[in-house]
Amino acid sequence: MSRVTTIAAALIILLIVSLSWGVNHYHGN
């Protein structure tokens, strides 16, 4: 159970970071 929660949290964080980096890079250019 805890492993699934950890994986889910990691995916969510990765998604947020990817979106944030993409938006910053897009506007920066």
PDB file of N, CA and C in Angstrom:
ATOM      1  N   MET A   1       0.851  -1.202   0.000  1.00  0.00           N
ATOM      2  CA  MET A   1       0.000   0.000   0.000  1.00  0.00           C
ATOM      3  C   MET A   1       0.886   1.252   0.000  1.00  0.00           C
ATOM      4  N   SER A   2       1.854   1.299   0.905  1.00  0.00           N
ATOM      5  CA  SER A   2       2.716   2.484   1.002  1.00  0.00           C
ATOM      6  C   SER A   2       3.536   2.655  -0.279  1.00  0.00           C
ATOM      7  N   ARG A   3       3.897   1.528  -0.894  1.00  0.00           N
ATOM      8  CA  ARG A   3       4.696   1.607  -2.123  1.00  0.00           C
ATOM      9  C   ARG A   3       3.895   2.275  -3.223  1.00  0.00           C
ATOM     10  N   VAL A   4       2.618   1.916  -3.326  1.00  0.00           N
ATOM     11  CA  VAL A   4       1.755   2.514  -4.354  1.00  0.00           C
ATOM     12  C   VAL A   4       1.630   4.016  -4.111  1.00  0.00           C
ATOM     13  N   THR A   5       1.471   4.386  -2.844  1.00  0.00           N
ATOM     14  CA  THR A   5       1.343   5.809  -2.502  1.00  0.00           C
ATOM     15  C   THR A   5       2.614   6.565  -2.861  1.00  0.00           C
ATOM     16  N   THR A   6       3.756   5.950  -2.601  1.00  0.00           N
ATOM     17  CA  THR A   6       5.034   6.592  -2.918  1.00  0.00           C
ATOM     18  C   THR A   6       5.180   6.784  -4.419  1.00  0.00           C
ATOM     19  N   ILE A   7       4.830   5.757  -5.188  1.00  0.00           N
ATOM     20  CA  ILE A   7       4.921   5.839  -6.649  1.00  0.00           C
ATOM     21  C   ILE A   7       3.980   6.915  -7.171  1.00  0.00           C
ATOM     22  N   ALA A   8       2.756   6.943  -6.657  1.00  0.00           N
ATOM     23  CA  ALA A   8       1.766   7.933  -7.100  1.00  0.00           C
ATOM     24  C   ALA A   8       2.273   9.341  -6.802  1.00  0.00           C
ATOM     25  N   ALA A   9       2.804   9.546  -5.601  1.00  0.00           N
ATOM     26  CA  ALA A   9       3.317  10.866  -5.216  1.00  0.00           C
ATOM     27  C   ALA A   9       4.476  11.265  -6.127  1.00  0.00           C
ATOM     28  N   ALA A  10       5.358  10.324  -6.421  1.00  0.00           N
ATOM     29  CA  ALA A  10       6.506  10.607  -7.275  1.00  0.00           C
ATOM     30  C   ALA A  10       6.046  11.007  -8.676  1.00  0.00           C
ATOM     31  N   LEU A  11       5.057  10.307  -9.214  1.00  0.00           N
ATOM     32  CA  LEU A  11       4.548  10.622 -10.547  1.00  0.00           C
ATOM     33  C   LEU A  11       3.915  12.006 -10.569  1.00  0.00           C
ATOM     34  N   ILE A  12       3.151  12.332  -9.531  1.00  0.00           N
ATOM     35  CA  ILE A  12       2.499  13.646  -9.460  1.00  0.00           C
ATOM     36  C   ILE A  12       3.545  14.755  -9.393  1.00  0.00           C
ATOM     37  N   ILE A  13       4.558  14.563  -8.549  1.00  0.00           N
ATOM     38  CA  ILE A  13       5.619  15.570  -8.424  1.00  0.00           C
ATOM     39  C   ILE A  13       6.352  15.723  -9.750  1.00  0.00           C
ATOM     40  N   LEU A  14       6.671  14.609 -10.388  1.00  0.00           N
ATOM     41  CA  LEU A  14       7.375  14.651 -11.661  1.00  0.00           C
ATOM     42  C   LEU A  14       6.546  15.391 -12.701  1.00  0.00           C
ATOM     43  N   LEU A  15       5.238  15.134 -12.723  1.00  0.00           N
ATOM     44  CA  LEU A  15       4.346  15.792 -13.675  1.00  0.00           C
ATOM     45  C   LEU A  15       4.324  17.301 -13.433  1.00  0.00           C
ATOM     46  N   ILE A  16       4.198  17.698 -12.176  1.00  0.00           N
ATOM     47  CA  ILE A  16       4.155  19.130 -11.843  1.00  0.00           C
ATOM     48  C   ILE A  16       5.464  19.809 -12.234  1.00  0.00           C
ATOM     49  N   VAL A  17       6.586  19.164 -11.910  1.00  0.00           N
ATOM     50  CA  VAL A  17       7.893  19.738 -12.240  1.00  0.00           C
ATOM     51  C   VAL A  17       8.055  19.851 -13.753  1.00  0.00           C
ATOM     52  N   SER A  18       7.645  18.829 -14.478  1.00  0.00           N
ATOM     53  CA  SER A  18       7.760  18.840 -15.938  1.00  0.00           C
ATOM     54  C   SER A  18       6.926  19.963 -16.535  1.00  0.00           C
ATOM     55  N   LEU A  19       5.694  20.109 -16.055  1.00  0.00           N
ATOM     56  CA  LEU A  19       4.817  21.170 -16.563  1.00  0.00           C
ATOM     57  C   LEU A  19       5.391  22.540 -16.229  1.00  0.00           C
ATOM     58  N   SER A  20       5.862  22.704 -15.001  1.00  0.00           N
ATOM     59  CA  SER A  20       6.416  23.993 -14.577  1.00  0.00           C
ATOM     60  C   SER A  20       7.646  24.339 -15.417  1.00  0.00           C
ATOM     61  N   TRP A  21       8.533  23.365 -15.627  1.00  0.00           N
ATOM     62  CA  TRP A  21       9.741  23.609 -16.411  1.00  0.00           C
ATOM     63  C   TRP A  21       9.372  23.943 -17.855  1.00  0.00           C
ATOM     64  N   GLY A  22       8.394  23.220 -18.393  1.00  0.00           N
ATOM     65  CA  GLY A  22       7.965  23.457 -19.772  1.00  0.00           C
ATOM     66  C   GLY A  22       7.390  24.857 -19.938  1.00  0.00           C
ATOM     67  N   VAL A  23       6.549  25.277 -18.995  1.00  0.00           N
ATOM     68  CA  VAL A  23       5.936  26.610 -19.073  1.00  0.00           C
ATOM     69  C   VAL A  23       7.006  27.689 -18.950  1.00  0.00           C
ATOM     70  N   ASN A  24       7.930  27.523 -18.017  1.00  0.00           N
ATOM     71  CA  ASN A  24       8.990  28.515 -17.820  1.00  0.00           C
ATOM     72  C   ASN A  24       9.881  28.594 -19.055  1.00  0.00           C
ATOM     73  N   HIS A  25      10.203  27.466 -19.645  1.00  0.00           N
ATOM     74  CA  HIS A  25      11.058  27.441 -20.823  1.00  0.00           C
ATOM     75  C   HIS A  25      10.326  28.072 -22.006  1.00  0.00           C
ATOM     76  N   TYR A  26       9.031  27.798 -22.117  1.00  0.00           N
ATOM     77  CA  TYR A  26       8.243  28.343 -23.228  1.00  0.00           C
ATOM     78  C   TYR A  26       8.166  29.868 -23.138  1.00  0.00           C
ATOM     79  N   HIS A  27       7.853  30.380 -21.953  1.00  0.00           N
ATOM     80  CA  HIS A  27       7.739  31.829 -21.778  1.00  0.00           C
ATOM     81  C   HIS A  27       9.121  32.487 -21.818  1.00  0.00           C
ATOM     82  N   GLY A  28      10.134  31.761 -21.356  1.00  0.00           N
ATOM     83  CA  GLY A  28      11.486  32.309 -21.355  1.00  0.00           C
ATOM     84  C   GLY A  28      11.968  32.536 -22.776  1.00  0.00           C
ATOM     85  N   ASN A  29      11.553  31.674 -23.693  1.00  0.00           N
ATOM     86  CA  ASN A  29      11.963  31.790 -25.076  1.00  0.00           C
ATOM     87  C   ASN A  29      11.105  32.825 -25.777  1.00  0.00           C
TER      88      ASN A  29
END
